[in-house]
Amino acid sequence: MTTGFKRNAAQSPARHPLSENQTENKNMEQSSIEASKNGKQWCLNDFEIGKPLGRGKFGKVYLAREKKSKYIVALKVLTKSQLLKAGVEHQLRREIEIQCHLRNRNILRMYGYFYDNKRIYLILEYSTGGELYRKLTSKGRFNEKNSAKYICDMAQALSYCHAKHIIHRDIKPENLLIGSRGEIKIADFGWSVHAPTSRRNTLCGTLDYLPPEMVEGREHDEMVDVWSLGVLMYEFLVGSPPFEAEGHSATYRRISRVDLKFPKGLSEDSKDLIRKLLQKDPRKRLSLDSVPNHPWVLRNLRS
């Protein structure tokens, strides 16, 4: 794998990698279409490889440029042996099938994929704003205005997913990126599932974000994502998840009881929205379509 181009395209006056320029998007999509029409598969030689952007459990992510369109992407490189050892190859296959078909400004675009004997390569949209988790960690917490914007973005993205019968099941700061205009991008669909009719039983996701129905071993549906949105909002405003405790069992108990405690300083309308999202009965949770019209969101998006 070559070091590729040295200059970050974001610094080039001639081309901004995520200006959301429609011509560049069209070029990349056209390249994908032409590749499909000609029966051509993507390969590593189609890209110039740049600097590493991050490292995950099963591989690394690199800045890359598609040679024909000059379009900047993020190339996620996964090691087959590690995927097989962890037994998650079926999970990756499902993630690719789902994310490749999603088209929403608040969902990271997956343009395609290819593979060789040792690795699998995912061609992803490049988000110039970087990882939301790093930003949250460095700041400690977000102000109300930024939190409201992010929660509104998330509600609209999840509503789009649910309309397509997709449950995400692992919403958390680590799975979110920031786009060039400050918008949220859902970037990881590893635990997502397409469930048009059936309710699910799998315990999955991240402990602090699990809803009561999961920790109690009951069936769940798309309303698990609404619960996770409430946990996310709390963490944005407070700096830590609402049900943190010493040990898994203690966290499970707090989630099951919905043992929700607010620190001093939170506004009443923010607490109202969090309470409406963190209802034990999934049917009583606020609908995602109602979130952008909640008084807390409206107040902060106006300011």
Protein backbone atom coordinates (compact mmCIF):
# COMPACT_ATOMS: atom_id res chain seq x y z
CA MET A 1 0.00 0.00 0.00
CA THR A 2 1.61 3.28 -1.05
CA THR A 3 1.76 6.46 0.97
CA GLY A 4 -0.14 8.14 -1.89
CA PHE A 5 -0.69 11.88 -2.01
CA LYS A 6 0.97 13.87 0.76
CA ARG A 7 -1.14 16.98 0.73
CA ASN A 8 -4.48 16.71 2.48
CA ALA A 9 -7.01 17.68 -0.18
CA ALA A 10 -8.87 19.76 2.40
CA GLN A 11 -5.93 22.18 2.26
CA SER A 12 -6.03 22.49 -1.50
CA PRO A 13 -7.67 25.66 -2.81
CA ALA A 14 -8.83 23.83 -5.91
CA ARG A 15 -10.76 21.02 -4.24
CA HIS A 16 -12.43 20.59 -0.87
CA PRO A 17 -13.00 16.89 -0.15
CA LEU A 18 -16.41 17.23 1.44
CA SER A 19 -17.79 20.44 0.08
CA GLU A 20 -20.87 18.33 -0.78
CA ASN A 21 -20.32 19.49 -4.33
CA GLN A 22 -22.98 17.79 -6.45
CA THR A 23 -20.63 17.37 -9.41
CA GLU A 24 -18.11 15.46 -7.31
CA ASN A 25 -20.82 13.24 -5.84
CA LYS A 26 -22.09 12.58 -9.33
CA ASN A 27 -18.57 11.75 -10.55
CA MET A 28 -18.07 9.19 -7.81
CA GLU A 29 -21.51 7.67 -8.35
CA GLN A 30 -20.91 7.66 -12.12
CA SER A 31 -17.65 5.77 -11.55
CA SER A 32 -19.59 3.22 -9.49
CA ILE A 33 -22.25 2.93 -12.20
CA GLU A 34 -19.66 2.56 -14.97
CA ALA A 35 -17.81 -0.08 -12.97
CA SER A 36 -21.05 -2.04 -12.53
CA LYS A 37 -22.06 -1.70 -16.16
CA ASN A 38 -18.70 -2.88 -17.44
CA GLY A 39 -18.61 -5.77 -15.02
CA LYS A 40 -15.52 -4.18 -13.43
CA GLN A 41 -14.80 -4.62 -9.76
CA TRP A 42 -13.12 -1.96 -7.66
CA CYS A 43 -9.50 -2.72 -6.77
CA LEU A 44 -6.79 -1.08 -4.70
CA ASN A 45 -5.13 0.28 -7.84
CA ASP A 46 -8.20 2.49 -8.43
CA PHE A 47 -7.18 4.62 -5.43
CA GLU A 48 -4.31 6.77 -4.25
CA ILE A 49 -3.85 6.04 -0.55
CA GLY A 50 -3.12 8.88 1.86
CA LYS A 51 -2.73 9.30 5.60
CA PRO A 52 -4.31 6.99 8.20
CA LEU A 53 -7.53 8.43 9.67
CA GLY A 54 -8.09 5.93 12.43
CA ARG A 55 -7.76 2.40 13.69
CA GLY A 56 -10.50 -0.07 14.61
CA LYS A 57 -10.69 -3.55 16.08
CA PHE A 58 -10.40 -5.26 12.69
CA GLY A 59 -8.30 -2.82 10.65
CA LYS A 60 -7.55 0.78 9.72
CA VAL A 61 -9.18 3.67 7.87
CA TYR A 62 -7.20 5.70 5.31
CA LEU A 63 -7.78 8.91 3.41
CA ALA A 64 -7.90 7.98 -0.27
CA ARG A 65 -8.59 9.50 -3.67
CA GLU A 66 -10.35 7.64 -6.48
CA LYS A 67 -8.07 8.14 -9.49
CA LYS A 68 -10.68 8.58 -12.21
CA SER A 69 -13.04 11.07 -10.51
CA LYS A 70 -10.40 12.57 -8.14
CA TYR A 71 -13.03 12.18 -5.43
CA ILE A 72 -11.81 12.02 -1.82
CA VAL A 73 -13.07 9.05 0.21
CA ALA A 74 -12.26 7.15 3.39
CA LEU A 75 -11.05 3.62 2.72
CA LYS A 76 -11.74 1.20 5.54
CA VAL A 77 -9.36 -1.78 5.36
CA LEU A 78 -10.44 -4.88 7.29
CA THR A 79 -8.34 -8.00 7.82
CA LYS A 80 -10.18 -11.19 6.86
CA SER A 81 -8.38 -13.39 9.39
CA GLN A 82 -9.40 -11.12 12.27
CA LEU A 83 -13.02 -11.02 11.09
CA LEU A 84 -13.16 -14.82 10.84
CA LYS A 85 -11.48 -15.27 14.21
CA ALA A 86 -14.09 -13.03 15.85
CA GLY A 87 -16.92 -14.73 13.93
CA VAL A 88 -18.35 -11.44 12.63
CA GLU A 89 -18.18 -12.00 8.87
CA HIS A 90 -21.99 -12.35 8.69
CA GLN A 91 -22.32 -9.11 10.63
CA LEU A 92 -20.07 -7.30 8.15
CA ARG A 93 -22.04 -8.71 5.22
CA ARG A 94 -25.27 -7.38 6.74
CA GLU A 95 -23.65 -4.00 7.47
CA ILE A 96 -22.56 -3.64 3.82
CA GLU A 97 -25.97 -4.70 2.48
CA ILE A 98 -27.73 -2.12 4.66
CA GLN A 99 -25.37 0.86 4.46
CA CYS A 100 -24.85 0.67 0.68
CA HIS A 101 -28.56 1.34 0.16
CA LEU A 102 -28.97 4.30 2.53
CA ARG A 103 -29.11 7.87 1.16
CA ASN A 104 -29.44 10.49 3.87
CA ARG A 105 -27.38 13.58 4.74
CA ASN A 106 -26.99 12.32 8.32
CA ILE A 107 -25.83 8.81 7.39
CA LEU A 108 -22.29 8.14 6.20
CA ARG A 109 -22.43 7.02 2.58
CA MET A 110 -20.92 3.70 1.57
CA TYR A 111 -20.07 3.83 -2.14
CA GLY A 112 -19.03 0.21 -2.53
CA TYR A 113 -16.53 -2.43 -1.49
CA PHE A 114 -13.95 -4.85 -2.86
CA TYR A 115 -11.61 -7.50 -1.48
CA ASP A 116 -8.47 -9.52 -2.08
CA ASN A 117 -7.06 -12.65 -0.49
CA LYS A 118 -6.30 -11.03 2.86
CA ARG A 119 -8.44 -7.90 3.19
CA ILE A 120 -11.87 -6.36 2.64
CA TYR A 121 -12.04 -2.69 1.59
CA LEU A 122 -15.06 -0.45 2.24
CA ILE A 123 -15.29 2.77 0.19
CA LEU A 124 -16.85 5.37 2.49
CA GLU A 125 -17.73 9.05 2.46
CA TYR A 126 -14.99 11.16 4.08
CA SER A 127 -16.22 13.30 6.98
CA THR A 128 -13.91 16.28 7.51
CA GLY A 129 -15.24 17.02 11.01
CA GLY A 130 -13.83 13.78 12.40
CA GLU A 131 -15.09 11.64 15.26
CA LEU A 132 -17.80 13.06 17.51
CA TYR A 133 -16.54 11.00 20.45
CA ARG A 134 -13.17 12.76 20.38
CA LYS A 135 -14.87 16.15 20.31
CA LEU A 136 -17.12 15.18 23.24
CA THR A 137 -14.16 13.82 25.22
CA SER A 138 -12.08 16.95 24.67
CA LYS A 139 -14.93 19.32 25.59
CA GLY A 140 -16.36 17.20 28.40
CA ARG A 141 -19.91 17.96 27.27
CA PHE A 142 -21.73 19.95 24.60
CA ASN A 143 -23.73 23.14 25.04
CA GLU A 144 -27.48 23.08 24.51
CA LYS A 145 -27.36 24.60 21.03
CA ASN A 146 -24.95 22.00 19.61
CA SER A 147 -26.70 19.18 21.45
CA ALA A 148 -30.09 20.20 20.05
CA LYS A 149 -28.72 20.28 16.51
CA TYR A 150 -27.10 16.87 16.89
CA ILE A 151 -30.22 15.30 18.46
CA CYS A 152 -32.41 16.76 15.72
CA ASP A 153 -30.05 15.33 13.07
CA MET A 154 -30.08 11.93 14.79
CA ALA A 155 -33.87 11.84 15.11
CA GLN A 156 -34.30 12.55 11.40
CA ALA A 157 -31.67 9.96 10.40
CA LEU A 158 -33.18 7.26 12.60
CA SER A 159 -36.67 8.08 11.36
CA TYR A 160 -35.37 7.55 7.81
CA CYS A 161 -33.87 4.18 8.83
CA HIS A 162 -37.08 3.04 10.54
CA ALA A 163 -39.12 3.97 7.46
CA LYS A 164 -36.91 1.47 5.62
CA HIS A 165 -37.45 -1.11 8.41
CA ILE A 166 -33.85 -0.79 9.63
CA ILE A 167 -33.10 -0.82 13.36
CA HIS A 168 -29.64 0.51 14.20
CA ARG A 169 -29.28 -0.96 17.73
CA ASP A 170 -25.91 0.61 18.58
CA ILE A 171 -26.29 4.38 18.73
CA LYS A 172 -23.44 5.92 20.78
CA PRO A 173 -20.90 8.75 20.33
CA GLU A 174 -18.19 6.34 19.08
CA ASN A 175 -20.34 5.49 16.04
CA LEU A 176 -20.91 9.07 14.95
CA LEU A 177 -18.89 11.44 12.74
CA ILE A 178 -19.15 15.15 12.00
CA GLY A 179 -19.66 16.34 8.42
CA SER A 180 -18.22 19.43 6.73
CA ARG A 181 -21.20 21.57 7.77
CA GLY A 182 -21.25 20.40 11.36
CA GLU A 183 -23.94 17.80 10.76
CA ILE A 184 -24.00 14.38 12.43
CA LYS A 185 -23.19 11.28 10.34
CA ILE A 186 -24.15 7.81 11.60
CA ALA A 187 -21.07 5.86 10.59
CA ASP A 188 -21.34 2.30 11.90
CA PHE A 189 -24.12 -0.17 11.09
CA GLY A 190 -22.40 -3.26 12.49
CA TRP A 191 -25.31 -4.19 14.81
CA SER A 192 -28.08 -2.95 12.55
CA VAL A 193 -30.76 -5.26 11.23
CA HIS A 194 -33.43 -5.16 8.53
CA ALA A 195 -36.59 -6.25 10.32
CA PRO A 196 -39.73 -5.51 8.29
CA THR A 197 -42.07 -7.59 10.45
CA SER A 198 -40.50 -9.65 13.24
CA ARG A 199 -39.46 -8.47 16.66
CA ARG A 200 -35.90 -9.28 17.70
CA ASN A 201 -34.38 -11.10 20.68
CA THR A 202 -30.62 -10.55 20.23
CA LEU A 203 -28.81 -8.78 23.06
CA CYS A 204 -26.52 -6.36 21.24
CA GLY A 205 -25.09 -2.89 21.41
CA THR A 206 -23.20 -1.09 24.16
CA LEU A 207 -24.06 -1.63 27.85
CA ASP A 208 -24.71 1.99 28.85
CA TYR A 209 -27.07 2.43 25.90
CA LEU A 210 -29.10 -0.78 26.22
CA PRO A 211 -32.86 -0.30 26.86
CA PRO A 212 -34.81 -2.12 29.61
CA GLU A 213 -36.38 -4.58 27.18
CA MET A 214 -32.92 -5.79 26.12
CA VAL A 215 -31.38 -6.09 29.59
CA GLU A 216 -34.51 -7.96 30.75
CA GLY A 217 -34.30 -10.39 27.82
CA ARG A 218 -37.58 -9.31 26.23
CA GLU A 219 -38.29 -8.84 22.54
CA HIS A 220 -37.39 -5.48 21.06
CA ASP A 221 -38.20 -3.41 17.99
CA GLU A 222 -37.17 -0.07 16.49
CA MET A 223 -38.02 1.75 19.72
CA VAL A 224 -34.64 0.66 21.11
CA ASP A 225 -33.16 3.43 18.96
CA VAL A 226 -35.44 6.01 20.60
CA TRP A 227 -34.15 4.94 24.03
CA SER A 228 -30.55 5.22 22.78
CA LEU A 229 -31.29 8.73 21.53
CA GLY A 230 -32.36 9.70 25.05
CA VAL A 231 -29.13 8.26 26.51
CA LEU A 232 -27.14 10.09 23.84
CA MET A 233 -28.83 13.41 24.63
CA TYR A 234 -28.08 12.97 28.34
CA GLU A 235 -24.42 12.19 27.61
CA PHE A 236 -24.15 15.23 25.31
CA LEU A 237 -25.41 17.57 28.03
CA VAL A 238 -23.88 15.94 31.12
CA GLY A 239 -20.71 14.29 29.80
CA SER A 240 -21.52 10.75 30.92
CA PRO A 241 -24.35 8.25 30.31
CA PRO A 242 -27.31 8.36 32.74
CA PHE A 243 -27.14 4.81 34.14
CA GLU A 244 -23.42 4.42 34.81
CA ALA A 245 -22.64 2.25 37.82
CA GLU A 246 -19.86 0.05 39.19
CA GLY A 247 -20.14 -3.28 37.40
CA HIS A 248 -22.49 -4.64 34.76
CA SER A 249 -25.12 -5.92 37.20
CA ALA A 250 -25.51 -2.53 38.87
CA THR A 251 -25.85 -0.83 35.46
CA TYR A 252 -28.45 -3.41 34.40
CA ARG A 253 -30.46 -2.71 37.56
CA ARG A 254 -30.38 1.07 37.02
CA ILE A 255 -31.51 0.67 33.40
CA SER A 256 -34.29 -1.76 34.34
CA ARG A 257 -35.60 0.62 37.01
CA VAL A 258 -35.01 3.66 34.78
CA ASP A 259 -33.09 5.14 37.70
CA LEU A 260 -32.72 8.54 36.05
CA LYS A 261 -31.00 11.32 38.00
CA PHE A 262 -30.20 14.78 36.67
CA PRO A 263 -27.34 16.97 37.86
CA LYS A 264 -27.99 20.58 38.75
CA GLY A 265 -27.96 23.08 35.93
CA LEU A 266 -29.93 21.21 33.27
CA SER A 267 -32.86 23.15 31.84
CA GLU A 268 -36.37 21.89 32.58
CA ASP A 269 -37.27 21.48 28.90
CA SER A 270 -34.12 19.41 28.25
CA LYS A 271 -35.02 17.11 31.17
CA ASP A 272 -38.56 16.84 29.80
CA LEU A 273 -37.33 15.58 26.42
CA ILE A 274 -34.91 13.11 28.01
CA ARG A 275 -37.69 11.72 30.23
CA LYS A 276 -40.00 11.32 27.22
CA LEU A 277 -37.33 9.37 25.32
CA LEU A 278 -36.30 7.23 28.31
CA GLN A 279 -39.65 5.60 29.03
CA LYS A 280 -39.51 1.97 30.18
CA ASP A 281 -42.55 1.06 28.08
CA PRO A 282 -41.35 1.32 24.44
CA ARG A 283 -44.85 2.30 23.30
CA LYS A 284 -44.79 5.38 25.53
CA ARG A 285 -41.51 6.76 24.15
CA LEU A 286 -41.76 9.96 22.16
CA SER A 287 -41.88 9.38 18.41
CA LEU A 288 -38.78 10.38 16.44
CA ASP A 289 -40.86 12.66 14.23
CA SER A 290 -41.90 14.63 17.33
CA VAL A 291 -38.33 15.31 18.49
CA PRO A 292 -37.55 18.22 16.10
CA ASN A 293 -40.75 19.96 17.31
CA HIS A 294 -40.04 19.59 21.03
CA PRO A 295 -39.79 22.99 22.82
CA TRP A 296 -36.16 22.34 23.88
CA VAL A 297 -35.08 21.67 20.29
CA LEU A 298 -37.04 24.60 18.87
CA ARG A 299 -35.70 27.00 21.52
CA ASN A 300 -32.08 26.09 20.85
CA LEU A 301 -32.28 25.92 17.05
CA ARG A 302 -33.82 29.41 17.01
CA SER A 303 -31.07 30.92 19.14
